[in-house]
Protein backbone atom coordinates (compact mmCIF):
# COMPACT_ATOMS: atom_id res chain seq x y z
CA MET A 1 0.00 0.00 0.00
CA PHE A 2 2.73 2.49 0.94
CA GLU A 3 4.92 1.83 -2.12
CA ASN A 4 4.56 5.29 -3.72
CA LEU A 5 4.87 7.12 -0.40
CA SER A 6 7.88 5.02 0.55
CA GLN A 7 9.56 5.72 -2.79
CA ARG A 8 8.93 9.47 -2.58
CA LEU A 9 10.15 9.72 1.02
CA ASN A 10 13.34 7.83 0.23
CA GLN A 11 14.02 10.09 -2.75
CA ALA A 12 13.53 13.13 -0.52
CA LEU A 13 15.83 11.76 2.18
CA LYS A 14 18.61 11.08 -0.35
CA THR A 15 19.11 14.84 -0.81
CA LEU A 16 20.92 14.97 2.56
CA LYS A 17 23.49 12.31 1.66
CA GLY A 18 27.02 13.65 1.66
CA LYS A 19 26.18 16.69 3.79
CA GLY A 20 28.41 17.40 6.79
CA ALA A 21 25.70 18.85 9.02
CA ILE A 22 21.97 19.55 9.21
CA THR A 23 21.16 23.20 8.47
CA GLU A 24 17.97 25.09 7.65
CA ILE A 25 19.24 25.59 4.11
CA ASN A 26 20.12 21.97 3.24
CA ILE A 27 16.95 20.46 4.71
CA ALA A 28 14.53 22.99 3.20
CA THR A 29 14.12 21.00 -0.03
CA THR A 30 13.94 17.69 1.82
CA VAL A 31 11.16 18.91 4.14
CA LYS A 32 9.25 20.37 1.18
CA GLU A 33 9.46 17.04 -0.69
CA ILE A 34 8.34 15.08 2.38
CA ARG A 35 5.30 17.35 2.74
CA LYS A 36 4.47 16.94 -0.95
CA ALA A 37 4.84 13.15 -0.68
CA LEU A 38 2.48 13.03 2.31
CA VAL A 39 -0.18 15.20 0.64
CA GLU A 40 -0.02 13.16 -2.57
CA ALA A 41 -0.48 10.03 -0.42
CA ASP A 42 -3.83 11.48 0.76
CA VAL A 43 -2.62 12.76 4.11
CA ASN A 44 -4.63 15.81 5.17
CA TYR A 45 -2.64 18.97 4.30
CA LYS A 46 -2.95 20.35 7.84
CA VAL A 47 -1.55 17.09 9.26
CA ALA A 48 1.23 16.96 6.64
CA LYS A 49 2.29 20.54 7.40
CA GLN A 50 2.21 19.93 11.14
CA ILE A 51 4.44 16.86 10.97
CA THR A 52 6.94 18.41 8.54
CA ASP A 53 7.18 21.58 10.65
CA GLN A 54 7.95 19.41 13.68
CA ILE A 55 10.55 17.44 11.69
CA LYS A 56 12.20 20.68 10.58
CA ASP A 57 12.22 22.22 14.08
CA GLU A 58 13.65 19.08 15.65
CA ALA A 59 16.28 18.56 12.94
CA ILE A 60 17.75 22.07 12.85
CA GLY A 61 20.59 22.45 15.30
CA GLN A 62 20.83 18.74 16.10
CA LYS A 63 24.39 17.81 16.90
CA VAL A 64 25.55 15.11 14.52
CA LEU A 65 27.63 12.44 16.22
CA ILE A 66 30.83 11.31 14.50
CA ALA A 67 29.37 7.80 14.00
CA VAL A 68 26.07 9.10 12.57
CA ASN A 69 25.81 11.10 9.35
CA PRO A 70 23.16 13.82 8.90
CA ASN A 71 21.09 11.66 6.57
CA GLU A 72 20.85 8.84 9.13
CA LEU A 73 19.92 11.28 11.89
CA PHE A 74 17.25 12.92 9.74
CA VAL A 75 15.76 9.50 8.84
CA LYS A 76 15.58 8.75 12.58
CA ILE A 77 13.72 12.04 13.19
CA VAL A 78 11.25 11.29 10.34
CA TYR A 79 10.75 7.76 11.67
CA ASP A 80 10.04 9.01 15.20
CA LYS A 81 7.49 11.54 13.91
CA LEU A 82 5.71 8.93 11.77
CA VAL A 83 5.46 6.62 14.80
CA GLU A 84 4.12 9.47 16.93
CA LEU A 85 1.61 10.45 14.24
CA MET A 86 0.23 6.90 14.04
CA GLY A 87 -0.17 6.45 17.79
CA SER A 88 3.25 5.50 19.24
CA GLU A 89 2.24 2.04 20.47
CA ARG A 90 -0.03 -0.92 19.85
CA HIS A 91 -3.47 -0.80 21.49
CA ASP A 92 -5.17 -4.02 22.61
CA LEU A 93 -8.87 -4.79 22.60
CA ASN A 94 -10.84 -3.94 25.71
CA ILE A 95 -12.53 -7.27 26.49
CA LYS A 96 -14.74 -6.99 29.56
CA GLY A 97 -18.07 -8.54 30.46
CA ASP A 98 -19.65 -11.98 30.48
CA PRO A 99 -19.86 -12.19 27.58
CA ALA A 100 -17.78 -9.28 26.30
CA VAL A 101 -19.45 -7.56 23.34
CA ILE A 102 -17.42 -6.22 20.40
CA MET A 103 -19.48 -4.13 17.98
CA ILE A 104 -18.30 -3.66 14.38
CA ALA A 105 -19.41 -0.53 12.49
CA GLY A 106 -18.69 1.06 9.11
CA LEU A 107 -19.97 1.72 5.59
CA ASN A 108 -20.99 -0.96 3.10
CA GLY A 109 -18.07 -2.42 1.21
CA ALA A 110 -15.51 -1.54 3.89
CA GLY A 111 -15.02 -5.21 4.79
CA LYS A 112 -16.89 -5.36 8.12
CA THR A 113 -18.23 -8.90 7.72
CA THR A 114 -14.90 -10.32 6.53
CA PHE A 115 -13.12 -8.52 9.37
CA SER A 116 -15.62 -9.94 11.89
CA GLY A 117 -14.68 -13.44 10.73
CA LYS A 118 -10.95 -12.67 10.85
CA LEU A 119 -11.23 -11.23 14.35
CA ALA A 120 -13.20 -14.28 15.52
CA LYS A 121 -10.47 -16.55 14.14
CA LEU A 122 -7.72 -14.52 15.82
CA LEU A 123 -9.48 -14.53 19.20
CA LYS A 124 -10.23 -18.25 18.89
CA SER A 125 -6.53 -18.93 18.21
CA GLN A 126 -5.84 -17.24 21.57
CA GLY A 127 -8.04 -19.83 23.29
CA ARG A 128 -11.15 -17.66 23.64
CA GLN A 129 -14.73 -18.89 23.16
CA VAL A 130 -16.26 -16.69 20.45
CA MET A 131 -19.67 -16.24 18.82
CA LEU A 132 -20.56 -14.13 15.77
CA ALA A 133 -23.90 -12.27 15.67
CA ALA A 134 -25.40 -11.39 12.27
CA CYS A 135 -27.10 -8.03 12.85
CA ASP A 136 -27.10 -6.67 9.30
CA ILE A 137 -30.88 -6.68 8.81
CA TYR A 138 -30.81 -5.02 5.38
CA ARG A 139 -28.45 -7.20 3.38
CA PRO A 140 -29.42 -10.93 3.42
CA ALA A 141 -26.12 -11.80 1.73
CA ALA A 142 -24.28 -10.48 4.81
CA ILE A 143 -25.96 -13.13 7.00
CA ASP A 144 -25.07 -15.88 4.51
CA GLN A 145 -21.51 -14.55 4.21
CA LEU A 146 -21.07 -14.56 7.99
CA LYS A 147 -22.39 -18.14 8.21
CA VAL A 148 -19.91 -19.26 5.53
CA LEU A 149 -17.03 -17.56 7.36
CA GLY A 150 -18.18 -19.07 10.65
CA SER A 151 -18.16 -22.57 9.17
CA GLN A 152 -14.66 -21.99 7.73
CA ILE A 153 -13.21 -21.06 11.11
CA ASP A 154 -15.49 -23.32 13.19
CA VAL A 155 -17.16 -20.48 15.11
CA ASP A 156 -20.90 -20.37 15.91
CA VAL A 157 -22.98 -17.71 14.14
CA TYR A 158 -26.22 -16.44 15.69
CA ALA A 159 -28.75 -15.19 13.11
CA GLU A 160 -32.48 -14.48 12.84
CA PRO A 161 -33.01 -13.88 9.08
CA GLU A 162 -36.70 -12.96 9.49
CA ASN A 163 -36.17 -10.53 12.38
CA LYS A 164 -35.73 -6.88 11.35
CA ASN A 165 -34.84 -5.57 14.81
CA ALA A 166 -31.05 -5.40 15.11
CA VAL A 167 -31.12 -4.64 18.85
CA ALA A 168 -33.35 -7.66 19.57
CA ILE A 169 -31.13 -9.95 17.50
CA ALA A 170 -28.00 -8.77 19.31
CA ARG A 171 -29.61 -9.19 22.73
CA ASN A 172 -30.77 -12.70 21.82
CA ALA A 173 -27.25 -13.51 20.61
CA ILE A 174 -25.85 -12.41 23.98
CA GLN A 175 -28.35 -14.65 25.81
CA GLN A 176 -27.38 -17.55 23.53
CA ALA A 177 -23.70 -16.88 24.23
CA LYS A 178 -24.31 -17.01 27.98
CA ALA A 179 -26.23 -20.28 27.64
CA THR A 180 -23.48 -21.92 25.57
CA GLY A 181 -20.47 -20.62 27.52
CA LYS A 182 -19.22 -18.19 24.86
CA LYS A 183 -17.11 -15.41 26.36
CA ILE A 184 -17.06 -12.97 23.43
CA VAL A 185 -19.83 -11.90 21.02
CA ILE A 186 -18.76 -10.07 17.85
CA VAL A 187 -21.72 -8.08 16.48
CA ASP A 188 -21.59 -7.46 12.71
CA THR A 189 -23.81 -4.43 12.01
CA ALA A 190 -25.42 -3.00 8.86
CA GLY A 191 -23.62 -0.58 6.57
CA ARG A 192 -24.74 1.79 3.82
CA LEU A 193 -23.29 3.03 0.55
CA ALA A 194 -23.02 6.49 2.12
CA LEU A 195 -23.59 8.20 5.43
CA ASP A 196 -27.28 8.68 6.22
CA GLU A 197 -29.36 9.49 9.27
CA VAL A 198 -31.10 6.08 9.42
CA LEU A 199 -27.75 4.28 9.61
CA MET A 200 -26.29 6.63 12.19
CA THR A 201 -29.39 6.50 14.39
CA GLU A 202 -29.52 2.70 14.28
CA ILE A 203 -25.83 2.34 15.12
CA ALA A 204 -26.16 4.80 18.00
CA GLU A 205 -29.22 2.95 19.38
CA LEU A 206 -27.44 -0.41 19.05
CA LYS A 207 -24.45 0.83 20.98
CA ALA A 208 -26.63 2.39 23.69
CA ALA A 209 -28.57 -0.86 24.11
CA LEU A 210 -25.59 -3.25 24.10
CA GLN A 211 -23.00 -1.13 25.94
CA PRO A 212 -20.17 -2.99 24.15
CA SER A 213 -16.77 -3.15 25.81
CA GLU A 214 -15.23 -2.44 22.42
CA THR A 215 -16.61 -0.64 19.35
CA LEU A 216 -14.48 -0.84 16.21
CA PHE A 217 -14.90 1.33 13.13
CA VAL A 218 -13.91 -0.49 9.93
CA VAL A 219 -12.69 1.69 7.07
CA ASP A 220 -11.52 0.86 3.55
CA ALA A 221 -7.96 2.25 3.22
CA MET A 222 -8.47 2.65 -0.53
CA THR A 223 -11.00 5.46 -0.04
CA GLY A 224 -8.21 7.87 0.92
CA GLN A 225 -9.19 11.17 2.55
CA ASP A 226 -12.87 10.18 2.42
CA ALA A 227 -11.99 7.46 4.92
CA VAL A 228 -10.93 10.15 7.37
CA ASN A 229 -14.11 12.17 6.83
CA THR A 230 -16.24 9.07 7.43
CA ALA A 231 -14.21 8.18 10.53
CA VAL A 232 -14.86 11.64 11.97
CA ALA A 233 -18.63 11.44 11.27
CA PHE A 234 -18.99 8.00 12.88
CA ASN A 235 -16.94 9.01 15.89
CA GLU A 236 -19.18 12.01 16.54
CA ARG A 237 -22.20 9.68 16.78
CA ILE A 238 -20.91 6.52 18.47
CA ASN A 239 -17.55 7.50 20.01
CA TYR A 240 -15.88 4.26 18.94
CA ASP A 241 -12.80 2.81 20.64
CA GLY A 242 -10.56 2.02 17.69
CA VAL A 243 -10.15 1.87 13.92
CA VAL A 244 -9.61 -1.08 11.58
CA LEU A 245 -7.97 -0.41 8.20
CA THR A 246 -8.93 -2.96 5.54
CA LYS A 247 -7.74 -3.67 1.98
CA LEU A 248 -4.17 -2.58 2.66
CA ASP A 249 -3.08 -4.99 -0.08
CA GLY A 250 -4.83 -2.79 -2.66
CA ASP A 251 -3.47 0.18 -4.59
CA ALA A 252 -4.17 2.60 -1.76
CA ARG A 253 -1.99 5.65 -1.27
CA GLY A 254 -1.84 5.14 2.48
CA GLY A 255 -2.73 8.61 3.72
CA ALA A 256 -5.74 7.39 5.69
CA ALA A 257 -3.51 5.39 8.03
CA LEU A 258 -1.40 8.46 8.68
CA SER A 259 -4.31 10.89 9.08
CA ILE A 260 -7.00 9.03 11.03
CA ARG A 261 -5.17 9.00 14.35
CA ALA A 262 -4.55 12.75 14.16
CA GLU A 263 -8.08 13.60 13.03
CA VAL A 264 -10.18 11.50 15.45
CA ASN A 265 -7.63 10.80 18.19
CA LYS A 266 -8.56 7.11 18.20
CA PRO A 267 -6.00 4.32 17.79
CA ILE A 268 -5.76 2.11 14.74
CA LYS A 269 -6.02 -1.36 16.31
CA PHE A 270 -5.94 -3.76 13.32
CA ILE A 271 -4.89 -3.81 9.69
CA SER A 272 -6.31 -6.29 7.21
CA THR A 273 -4.90 -7.47 3.89
CA GLY A 274 -6.70 -9.76 1.45
CA GLU A 275 -9.64 -12.10 1.91
CA LYS A 276 -7.86 -14.94 3.71
CA MET A 277 -8.97 -15.43 7.31
CA GLU A 278 -5.34 -15.37 8.49
CA ALA A 279 -4.63 -11.97 6.88
CA LEU A 280 -5.17 -9.82 9.97
CA ASP A 281 -2.50 -8.09 12.04
CA TYR A 282 -2.44 -5.89 15.10
CA PHE A 283 -1.40 -2.35 14.17
CA TYR A 284 2.07 -1.40 15.38
CA PRO A 285 2.93 2.25 14.56
CA ASP A 286 6.68 1.59 14.78
CA ARG A 287 6.52 -1.37 12.40
CA MET A 288 4.36 0.56 9.93
CA ALA A 289 6.83 3.47 10.02
CA GLN A 290 9.64 1.03 9.26
CA ARG A 291 7.74 -0.28 6.24
CA ILE A 292 6.99 3.24 4.98
CA LEU A 293 10.70 4.08 5.14
CA GLY A 294 11.67 0.83 3.39
CA MET A 295 13.13 -0.83 6.49
CA GLY A 296 10.85 -3.88 6.31
CA ASP A 297 8.89 -5.49 9.14
CA VAL A 298 10.59 -8.70 10.15
CA LEU A 299 8.72 -9.03 13.47
CA SER A 300 5.30 -9.10 11.77
CA LEU A 301 6.63 -11.56 9.20
CA VAL A 302 7.83 -13.90 11.96
CA GLU A 303 4.50 -13.59 13.82
CA ARG A 304 2.56 -14.49 10.69
CA ALA A 305 4.82 -17.49 10.12
CA GLN A 306 4.28 -18.65 13.70
CA ARG A 307 0.50 -18.47 13.23
CA ALA A 308 0.54 -20.22 9.83
CA PHE A 309 3.06 -23.01 10.43
CA ASP A 310 2.10 -26.09 12.37
CA GLU A 311 4.72 -26.94 15.02
CA GLU A 312 4.30 -30.70 14.69
CA GLU A 313 4.59 -30.45 10.91
CA ALA A 314 7.70 -28.28 11.28
CA ARG A 315 9.35 -30.90 13.54
CA ARG A 316 8.48 -33.66 11.05
CA ILE A 317 9.96 -31.67 8.14
CA ASN A 318 13.08 -30.88 10.16
CA GLN A 319 13.68 -34.58 10.84
CA LYS A 320 13.32 -35.40 7.13
CA ILE A 321 15.74 -32.59 6.23
CA ARG A 322 18.32 -34.00 8.65
CA LYS A 323 18.01 -37.41 6.98
CA ASN A 324 18.01 -35.83 3.49
CA GLN A 325 14.60 -37.39 2.84
CA LEU A 326 12.64 -34.29 1.81
CA ASP A 327 10.14 -35.15 -0.93
CA PHE A 328 7.50 -33.37 -3.04
CA ASN A 329 4.77 -34.04 -0.46
CA ASP A 330 6.81 -32.02 2.05
CA PHE A 331 7.52 -29.32 -0.52
CA LEU A 332 3.79 -28.99 -1.29
CA SER A 333 2.97 -28.81 2.43
CA GLN A 334 5.42 -25.95 2.91
CA LEU A 335 3.99 -24.02 -0.06
CA GLN A 336 0.48 -24.31 1.34
CA GLN A 337 1.59 -23.01 4.73
CA ILE A 338 3.33 -20.04 3.09
CA LYS A 339 0.10 -19.24 1.22
CA ARG A 340 -1.78 -19.17 4.53
CA MET A 341 0.47 -16.31 5.68
CA GLY A 342 -1.33 -13.90 3.34
CA ASN A 343 -0.74 -11.74 0.28
CA LEU A 344 2.69 -12.48 -1.31
CA LYS A 345 3.55 -8.88 -2.18
CA ASP A 346 2.66 -7.83 1.37
CA LEU A 347 4.95 -10.54 2.78
CA ILE A 348 7.83 -9.52 0.51
CA GLY A 349 7.38 -5.91 1.63
CA MET A 350 8.11 -7.01 5.19
CA ILE A 351 11.63 -8.09 4.22
CA PRO A 352 14.11 -5.20 4.64
CA GLY A 353 15.16 -3.75 1.28
CA MET A 354 12.84 -5.95 -0.77
CA SER A 355 10.03 -3.39 -1.12
CA ALA A 356 12.21 -1.06 -3.21
CA MET A 357 13.73 -3.91 -5.24
CA MET A 358 10.32 -5.38 -6.13
CA LYS A 359 8.36 -2.13 -6.64
CA ASP A 360 8.00 -2.63 -10.42
CA VAL A 361 7.60 -6.41 -10.29
CA ALA A 362 4.10 -7.87 -10.60
CA ILE A 363 3.67 -10.50 -7.90
CA ASP A 364 0.65 -12.68 -8.44
CA ASP A 365 -0.92 -14.53 -5.53
CA ASP A 366 -1.40 -17.40 -8.00
CA ALA A 367 2.37 -17.71 -8.56
CA PHE A 368 2.44 -21.06 -6.73
CA LYS A 369 -0.38 -22.59 -8.77
CA PRO A 370 1.81 -24.00 -11.61
CA ILE A 371 4.14 -25.58 -9.01
CA GLU A 372 1.20 -27.10 -7.14
CA ALA A 373 -0.30 -28.35 -10.41
CA ILE A 374 2.97 -30.04 -11.38
CA ILE A 375 3.34 -31.77 -8.00
CA LEU A 376 -0.32 -32.86 -7.93
CA SER A 377 0.07 -34.33 -11.43
CA MET A 378 2.70 -36.73 -10.11
CA THR A 379 1.71 -40.15 -8.84
CA PRO A 380 1.91 -40.72 -5.05
CA LYS A 381 5.00 -42.85 -5.67
CA GLU A 382 6.69 -40.06 -7.66
CA ARG A 383 5.91 -37.47 -4.98
CA SER A 384 7.50 -39.71 -2.34
CA ASN A 385 10.48 -40.57 -4.59
CA PRO A 386 11.55 -37.40 -6.47
CA GLU A 387 14.34 -39.22 -8.36
CA LEU A 388 11.69 -41.15 -10.33
CA VAL A 389 10.63 -37.94 -12.09
CA ASN A 390 14.00 -37.63 -13.83
CA ASN A 391 12.59 -39.56 -16.75
CA ALA A 392 11.56 -38.08 -20.11
CA SER A 393 8.23 -39.92 -20.44
CA ARG A 394 7.24 -39.11 -16.84
CA LYS A 395 8.08 -35.42 -17.35
CA LYS A 396 5.99 -35.32 -20.53
CA ARG A 397 3.01 -36.92 -18.74
CA ILE A 398 3.32 -34.57 -15.74
CA ALA A 399 3.56 -31.48 -17.98
CA ALA A 400 0.45 -32.52 -19.93
CA GLY A 401 -1.48 -33.34 -16.75
CA SER A 402 -0.62 -30.02 -15.08
CA GLY A 403 -1.15 -27.79 -18.11
CA THR A 404 2.48 -26.67 -17.99
CA SER A 405 5.54 -27.27 -20.15
CA ILE A 406 8.43 -29.71 -19.82
CA VAL A 407 10.67 -26.65 -19.29
CA GLN A 408 8.61 -25.68 -16.22
CA VAL A 409 8.79 -29.24 -14.90
CA ASN A 410 12.58 -29.26 -15.39
CA ASN A 411 12.90 -25.89 -13.63
CA LEU A 412 10.97 -27.18 -10.62
CA LEU A 413 13.16 -30.30 -10.45
CA LYS A 414 16.33 -28.16 -10.59
CA GLN A 415 15.05 -25.85 -7.84
CA PHE A 416 14.03 -28.81 -5.68
CA ASP A 417 17.42 -30.53 -6.13
CA ALA A 418 19.27 -27.29 -5.33
CA MET A 419 17.20 -26.83 -2.17
CA ARG A 420 17.87 -30.40 -1.01
CA THR A 421 21.60 -30.04 -1.71
CA MET A 422 21.81 -26.78 0.27
CA MET A 423 19.90 -28.29 3.20
CA LYS A 424 22.13 -31.36 3.18
CA LYS A 425 25.26 -29.19 3.35
CA MET A 426 23.82 -27.10 6.19
CA ASN A 427 23.00 -30.24 8.17
CA GLN A 428 26.61 -31.36 7.85
CA MET A 429 27.90 -28.09 9.32
CA ASN A 430 28.46 -27.54 13.02
CA PRO A 431 27.04 -24.41 14.75
CA ALA A 432 30.38 -22.56 14.51
CA GLN A 433 30.49 -23.04 10.73
CA LEU A 434 26.90 -21.83 10.37
CA GLN A 435 27.67 -18.70 12.41
CA LYS A 436 30.72 -18.00 10.24
CA MET A 437 28.63 -18.39 7.07
CA ALA A 438 25.96 -16.04 8.44
CA LYS A 439 28.60 -13.36 9.20
CA LYS A 440 29.97 -13.60 5.66
CA ARG A 441 26.48 -13.10 4.21
CA ARG A 442 26.05 -9.96 6.35
């Protein structure tokens, strides 16, 4: 999402390279370019001017240490201001009550229902007993969608399709949750295509009746400055507790994420990318600032991997690697776990330096499909014994069965052999040798 902003900021920051000190003269152009980059990214002009004025005031007169050049110091100042602008620290959900009620609000198309499912899955993974309540009384498809999501993540969904009283449905859901031992009820409410009095009145009445411990406003990050305007309007009526930014994998300019905190003084609590139920992250201002400045976000990448990868499966794979027995079944299993981590371009953007390198490269989420097709076109015996595939007639049959070419089959075999060879060598090394190799790579 922040690709254009990140590129523009890095270009602006390059103007200080080679300077011996920070002065008002040599940072004037840099500050101007940063402000322009923020405004073009849909950050409110008033917010953009405020942050760049603060950056300028803090930078001028800073003593530059011998070990730190002016450019590095200025990047640190920009980073600190971005973190401060987005809220400084992560904010957790306020889960109180028996059951605790979390109300989800927002416009139609913002991704409320999908987010409700993602949040239920996340809370369930933390060992919590969760129920979803379908309180969108105007869009029948929303009830069906929530039921489908509930079945995917194995979470109960309370719905009364014929009832047109959202407050009554929510209250009945809470009673059902109490009877079945559920500790959290996530209430998915109705949205509209635009702000209107009926919507705002209903949301306000629902909140007053339920007294939720947490009210989250879901906003589509791709709507830019309009997202901020909508956030302000909703906050005036329901005084929500936090914001959820969805569709961050789209071609959004990113300004909403930088402006919302300043405009409504409410924390961004979650960010959502893609449709997969696993594609939900807590919002960390410091990590987002790192990504904006092209520093990557290794911590979030590791956390996603921990959620997606099965520990028992990882131990089994590790044992097979040690015995040099890795086969195509294992390879396919690893691919599927990587896919569960979320959008590929988003994952690559979390690796330091990769965002800039891959900015003009189209990364399709279906990139693994040809590989999967090739492996699934092998017989069970071939998948368990990769050496059998090194046969011209087998390759021809596999290529035809997978809708790929013999060249693609050969490329996969080469990559698989190279991976096995590398893993075999690493297993033969002692810890001291591995540390030495890691230092050389750095």
